[in-house]
Amino acid sequence: MHRFFRTVGYARVDSDREAREILDELLLHHRDAIHHIAMRNGDRLWELRVPLGERLGIAMGGYVRDDGKLIWERYLPYIDADEITSTAECMIERHVDNEVYSGLIDDMRIGISLIFRLTNVAEYRQQRARAHYSLPRGVTIGGLSRDGRILLPVYKSERQRELLHTTERERARMISAAKEGDESAMESLTNSDLRLYESVNRRLRQEDIYSIVDSCFMPDGIECDLYVVVGEIREISQRKNLATGELIWDFRIRSHDLPFHVYINTLDLQGEPKVGRRFKGTVWMQGAAIW
């Protein structure tokens, strides 16, 4: 069973058998919405996106047998983000075992290569089938979390906020220049990291780590699209799984100047969310490419 099945409102489903029963029922009642994809080698694939509520759902897919029977091989819970998160160049690659795709962007705001699971596979396959394929003009990024907690905000004056924003933009510019071979930018980044390291070590003797680390975007474990995220909550909404009635928090957060949505089942969140407070949790990143 998918680890994040509970995040979109199926917290009480705890076995593969129960999950498969739900998926088979969704497939049975939404056959008219199935999208068929003809491959160049003659294979026929299918994809189905079933909305479970506002901006959340289940996507599933597989192949079509010669007798016309649909065989499903994969599924994933998804969210629909409402804005383009990044316009950085996006590379999309297929996984080795089946028709699952991941995207990668080098957004200088976070300083690392961000890997996410692609949710609009059918649209991507249609774009690839064209004579002249063009890279996406942007991506909408979001994430699902199974465990999260609310942290109190770090107080910053208006001047400090402006200075932090300027510093983040300048660091992104320096990283971009360093990747293009600018030696002075590399040296400046190295010196900046050393000063930051010394400052953090000095403050850790008397302060808690979360009073120092305002935001964080760090890979978690060996799965390439899982990240530990700390970010400021900018907007709060609630979504509802119309089938189960379970409520899901929708946080629009900003981490390292990158805005995106994080969904988490209300049963899995510790603390009281408020705008201005911070969210911390392990987040499975996903997104849709926009052409």
Protein backbone atom coordinates (compact mmCIF):
# COMPACT_ATOMS: atom_id res chain seq x y z
CA MET A 1 0.00 0.00 0.00
CA HIS A 2 1.25 3.49 -0.82
CA ARG A 3 2.74 5.14 2.26
CA PHE A 4 0.85 8.37 1.60
CA PHE A 5 -2.56 6.82 0.91
CA ARG A 6 -3.72 8.10 4.30
CA THR A 7 -2.69 11.65 3.48
CA VAL A 8 -5.58 12.13 1.03
CA GLY A 9 -8.19 10.88 3.48
CA TYR A 10 -7.78 7.12 3.91
CA ALA A 11 -6.14 7.05 7.34
CA ARG A 12 -8.24 4.07 8.46
CA VAL A 13 -7.13 1.88 5.55
CA ASP A 14 -4.26 -0.21 6.86
CA SER A 15 -3.81 -3.12 4.44
CA ASP A 16 -3.08 -3.70 0.75
CA ARG A 17 -6.33 -5.64 0.41
CA GLU A 18 -8.44 -2.69 1.60
CA ALA A 19 -6.51 -0.28 -0.62
CA ARG A 20 -7.02 -2.50 -3.68
CA GLU A 21 -10.75 -2.76 -2.99
CA ILE A 22 -11.00 1.04 -2.95
CA LEU A 23 -8.96 1.35 -6.16
CA ASP A 24 -11.02 -1.29 -7.97
CA GLU A 25 -14.21 0.54 -6.97
CA LEU A 26 -12.85 3.87 -8.20
CA LEU A 27 -11.84 2.28 -11.49
CA LEU A 28 -15.27 0.70 -11.90
CA HIS A 29 -17.18 3.95 -11.33
CA HIS A 30 -14.92 6.26 -13.38
CA ARG A 31 -14.21 4.21 -16.51
CA ASP A 32 -15.55 7.01 -18.73
CA ALA A 33 -12.73 9.29 -17.55
CA ILE A 34 -9.92 6.90 -18.50
CA HIS A 35 -7.25 8.39 -20.75
CA HIS A 36 -5.73 5.96 -23.27
CA ILE A 37 -2.17 6.34 -24.54
CA ALA A 38 -0.92 4.59 -27.69
CA MET A 39 2.82 3.84 -27.62
CA ARG A 40 5.01 3.74 -30.71
CA ASN A 41 5.85 0.07 -30.10
CA GLY A 42 2.17 -0.87 -30.24
CA ASP A 43 1.55 -1.07 -26.50
CA ARG A 44 -1.52 0.62 -25.10
CA LEU A 45 -1.41 2.33 -21.73
CA TRP A 46 -4.14 3.96 -19.69
CA GLU A 47 -4.31 6.56 -16.93
CA LEU A 48 -7.14 7.65 -14.66
CA ARG A 49 -7.27 10.60 -12.29
CA VAL A 50 -10.09 10.39 -9.76
CA PRO A 51 -10.79 13.53 -7.69
CA LEU A 52 -11.58 12.75 -4.04
CA GLY A 53 -12.27 16.34 -3.06
CA GLU A 54 -11.08 19.82 -3.83
CA ARG A 55 -7.52 19.69 -5.23
CA LEU A 56 -6.79 16.09 -4.16
CA GLY A 57 -7.29 12.68 -5.65
CA ILE A 58 -5.91 9.32 -6.71
CA ALA A 59 -4.15 8.71 -10.03
CA MET A 60 -3.74 5.17 -11.32
CA GLY A 61 -2.54 3.57 -14.51
CA GLY A 62 -1.42 0.43 -16.27
CA TYR A 63 -1.68 -1.30 -19.62
CA VAL A 64 -4.47 -2.62 -21.85
CA ARG A 65 -4.42 -6.34 -22.66
CA ASP A 66 -5.14 -7.62 -26.16
CA ASP A 67 -8.65 -8.60 -25.05
CA GLY A 68 -9.31 -5.00 -23.92
CA LYS A 69 -9.07 -5.65 -20.17
CA LEU A 70 -7.45 -2.90 -18.11
CA ILE A 71 -4.57 -4.07 -15.91
CA TRP A 72 -3.52 -1.51 -13.32
CA GLU A 73 0.10 -1.50 -12.19
CA ARG A 74 0.53 1.66 -10.16
CA TYR A 75 -1.30 4.35 -8.29
CA LEU A 76 -0.43 7.47 -6.36
CA PRO A 77 -2.29 10.02 -4.26
CA TYR A 78 -1.93 13.47 -5.77
CA ILE A 79 -2.71 17.11 -5.10
CA ASP A 80 -3.43 19.85 -7.61
CA ALA A 81 -1.32 22.91 -6.96
CA ASP A 82 -2.84 26.21 -8.07
CA GLU A 83 0.25 28.09 -9.24
CA ILE A 84 3.54 27.63 -11.07
CA THR A 85 6.14 27.07 -8.36
CA SER A 86 9.28 27.27 -10.46
CA THR A 87 10.28 28.17 -13.99
CA ALA A 88 13.71 26.52 -13.69
CA GLU A 89 14.64 24.03 -16.41
CA CYS A 90 12.87 20.72 -15.74
CA MET A 91 14.25 17.34 -16.80
CA ILE A 92 11.90 14.33 -16.76
CA GLU A 93 13.09 10.71 -16.63
CA ARG A 94 11.27 7.38 -16.62
CA HIS A 95 11.88 4.86 -13.83
CA VAL A 96 13.46 1.59 -14.91
CA ASP A 97 10.66 -0.76 -13.80
CA ASN A 98 7.41 0.77 -15.13
CA GLU A 99 5.70 3.88 -16.50
CA VAL A 100 6.55 6.04 -13.51
CA TYR A 101 8.31 9.35 -14.06
CA SER A 102 10.24 11.79 -11.92
CA GLY A 103 11.16 15.38 -12.60
CA LEU A 104 14.27 17.30 -11.58
CA ILE A 105 14.74 21.04 -11.33
CA ASP A 106 17.77 23.07 -10.31
CA ASP A 107 16.06 26.00 -8.61
CA MET A 108 18.77 28.24 -7.21
CA ARG A 109 16.53 29.40 -4.36
CA ILE A 110 16.95 26.12 -2.49
CA GLY A 111 20.49 25.37 -3.59
CA ILE A 112 19.92 21.67 -4.38
CA SER A 113 18.51 19.63 -7.24
CA LEU A 114 14.87 19.07 -6.34
CA ILE A 115 13.45 15.70 -7.45
CA PHE A 116 9.70 15.12 -7.51
CA ARG A 117 7.22 12.50 -8.74
CA LEU A 118 5.46 13.54 -11.95
CA THR A 119 1.67 13.40 -11.64
CA ASN A 120 0.57 14.27 -15.20
CA VAL A 121 2.18 11.34 -17.01
CA ALA A 122 -0.42 11.17 -19.81
CA GLU A 123 0.15 14.80 -20.77
CA TYR A 124 3.91 14.27 -20.72
CA ARG A 125 3.60 11.21 -22.98
CA GLN A 126 1.54 13.26 -25.45
CA GLN A 127 4.19 16.00 -25.48
CA ARG A 128 6.95 13.43 -26.08
CA ALA A 129 5.02 11.96 -29.01
CA ARG A 130 5.18 15.27 -30.87
CA ALA A 131 7.72 15.78 -33.63
CA HIS A 132 9.46 18.55 -31.72
CA TYR A 133 9.46 18.11 -27.96
CA SER A 134 9.97 21.23 -25.87
CA LEU A 135 10.90 21.41 -22.21
CA PRO A 136 8.16 22.48 -19.77
CA ARG A 137 7.84 26.21 -19.20
CA GLY A 138 7.28 25.63 -15.50
CA VAL A 139 6.25 23.16 -12.82
CA THR A 140 3.67 23.19 -10.06
CA ILE A 141 5.19 21.61 -6.96
CA GLY A 142 3.38 20.26 -3.92
CA GLY A 143 3.93 17.67 -1.23
CA LEU A 144 2.23 15.09 0.96
CA SER A 145 3.24 14.48 4.56
CA ARG A 146 2.49 11.60 6.94
CA ASP A 147 3.93 13.24 10.03
CA GLY A 148 4.21 16.91 10.82
CA ARG A 149 4.35 19.33 13.68
CA ILE A 150 3.84 23.02 14.14
CA LEU A 151 6.77 25.12 15.33
CA LEU A 152 6.59 28.60 16.77
CA PRO A 153 7.90 31.34 14.48
CA VAL A 154 11.30 32.98 14.78
CA TYR A 155 10.72 36.67 15.47
CA LYS A 156 12.06 38.96 12.76
CA SER A 157 11.60 42.68 12.39
CA GLU A 158 10.53 44.10 9.05
CA ARG A 159 14.11 45.16 8.36
CA GLN A 160 15.38 41.65 9.14
CA ARG A 161 12.80 40.14 6.79
CA GLU A 162 13.88 42.43 3.97
CA LEU A 163 17.55 41.66 4.64
CA LEU A 164 16.88 37.91 4.65
CA HIS A 165 14.96 38.14 1.39
CA THR A 166 17.81 40.11 -0.22
CA THR A 167 20.38 37.64 1.10
CA GLU A 168 18.48 34.63 -0.29
CA ARG A 169 18.17 36.24 -3.71
CA GLU A 170 21.88 37.12 -3.74
CA ARG A 171 22.83 33.58 -2.71
CA ALA A 172 20.70 32.16 -5.52
CA ARG A 173 22.46 34.47 -7.98
CA MET A 174 25.87 33.39 -6.67
CA ILE A 175 25.00 29.68 -6.95
CA SER A 176 23.89 30.23 -10.54
CA ALA A 177 27.14 32.04 -11.33
CA ALA A 178 29.21 29.33 -9.62
CA LYS A 179 27.56 26.62 -11.74
CA GLU A 180 28.62 28.54 -14.82
CA GLY A 181 32.25 28.50 -13.65
CA ASP A 182 32.57 31.90 -11.92
CA GLU A 183 35.52 31.38 -9.54
CA SER A 184 34.84 34.53 -7.52
CA ALA A 185 31.29 33.31 -6.89
CA MET A 186 32.62 29.93 -5.75
CA GLU A 187 35.00 31.63 -3.35
CA SER A 188 32.28 33.91 -1.99
CA LEU A 189 29.95 30.95 -1.40
CA THR A 190 32.70 29.00 0.37
CA ASN A 191 33.50 31.93 2.66
CA SER A 192 29.81 32.51 3.34
CA ASP A 193 29.30 28.84 4.28
CA LEU A 194 32.28 28.93 6.63
CA ARG A 195 30.97 32.03 8.38
CA LEU A 196 27.53 30.45 8.66
CA TYR A 197 29.00 27.23 10.08
CA GLU A 198 30.95 29.15 12.72
CA SER A 199 27.93 31.26 13.63
CA VAL A 200 25.63 28.24 14.01
CA ASN A 201 28.17 26.35 16.16
CA ARG A 202 28.54 29.38 18.43
CA ARG A 203 24.80 29.90 18.83
CA LEU A 204 24.05 26.20 19.42
CA ARG A 205 25.79 26.43 22.80
CA GLN A 206 22.96 28.57 24.13
CA GLU A 207 20.03 28.27 21.69
CA ASP A 208 17.72 25.58 20.34
CA ILE A 209 18.36 24.46 16.76
CA TYR A 210 14.89 25.58 15.58
CA SER A 211 15.47 29.11 16.81
CA ILE A 212 18.44 29.23 14.43
CA VAL A 213 17.19 27.24 11.43
CA ASP A 214 14.28 29.26 10.09
CA SER A 215 13.69 27.07 7.03
CA CYS A 216 15.07 23.77 5.79
CA PHE A 217 14.90 21.66 2.64
CA MET A 218 16.96 18.50 3.12
CA PRO A 219 16.81 15.05 1.46
CA ASP A 220 15.52 12.34 3.79
CA GLY A 221 16.78 8.76 3.59
CA ILE A 222 17.59 6.97 0.35
CA GLU A 223 14.38 7.80 -1.55
CA CYS A 224 15.21 10.69 -3.85
CA ASP A 225 11.85 12.52 -3.63
CA LEU A 226 11.49 12.58 0.18
CA TYR A 227 12.60 15.71 2.04
CA VAL A 228 12.61 17.07 5.55
CA VAL A 229 11.01 20.48 5.19
CA VAL A 230 10.76 23.42 7.56
CA GLY A 231 8.90 26.43 6.23
CA GLU A 232 6.75 29.35 7.26
CA ILE A 233 3.00 28.87 6.87
CA ARG A 234 1.60 31.60 4.63
CA GLU A 235 -1.95 30.30 4.03
CA ILE A 236 -4.14 27.63 5.65
CA SER A 237 -7.09 25.76 4.14
CA GLN A 238 -8.88 22.50 4.83
CA ARG A 239 -9.83 19.89 2.25
CA LYS A 240 -12.25 17.02 2.71
CA ASN A 241 -12.22 13.52 1.29
CA LEU A 242 -15.82 13.26 0.09
CA ALA A 243 -15.82 9.46 0.38
CA THR A 244 -14.50 9.11 3.95
CA GLY A 245 -15.25 12.55 5.42
CA GLU A 246 -11.68 12.86 6.70
CA LEU A 247 -10.20 16.37 6.80
CA ILE A 248 -6.83 17.30 5.34
CA TRP A 249 -4.81 20.41 6.13
CA ASP A 250 -3.60 22.39 3.11
CA PHE A 251 -0.65 24.59 4.06
CA ARG A 252 0.89 27.00 1.60
CA ILE A 253 4.37 27.32 3.00
CA ARG A 254 7.54 29.12 1.99
CA SER A 255 10.88 27.42 2.49
CA HIS A 256 14.09 29.00 1.17
CA ASP A 257 11.96 31.51 -0.76
CA LEU A 258 10.21 28.62 -2.58
CA PRO A 259 6.38 28.65 -2.16
CA PHE A 260 4.46 25.36 -2.40
CA HIS A 261 1.54 23.46 -0.86
CA VAL A 262 1.83 20.67 1.69
CA TYR A 263 -1.14 18.40 2.49
CA ILE A 264 -1.36 16.40 5.72
CA ASN A 265 -4.21 14.46 7.31
CA THR A 266 -5.47 16.29 10.41
CA LEU A 267 -4.89 13.06 12.37
CA ASP A 268 -1.14 13.22 11.62
CA LEU A 269 -0.41 16.81 12.65
CA GLN A 270 0.91 17.83 16.07
CA GLY A 271 0.22 21.38 17.22
CA GLU A 272 -2.16 24.15 16.29
CA PRO A 273 -1.53 25.63 12.82
CA LYS A 274 -1.61 29.39 12.39
CA VAL A 275 -0.37 31.71 9.69
CA GLY A 276 3.13 32.84 10.62
CA ARG A 277 4.02 29.66 12.47
CA ARG A 278 6.25 27.04 10.87
CA PHE A 279 5.56 23.56 9.58
CA LYS A 280 8.11 20.77 9.99
CA GLY A 281 7.67 17.33 8.49
CA THR A 282 8.86 14.69 6.07
CA VAL A 283 7.34 15.54 2.70
CA TRP A 284 6.97 13.44 -0.44
CA MET A 285 7.37 15.93 -3.28
CA GLN A 286 5.30 15.67 -6.44
CA GLY A 287 4.40 17.99 -9.24
CA ALA A 288 2.98 18.56 -12.70
CA ALA A 289 4.89 19.88 -15.69
CA ILE A 290 3.30 22.81 -17.51
CA TRP A 291 3.77 23.41 -21.25
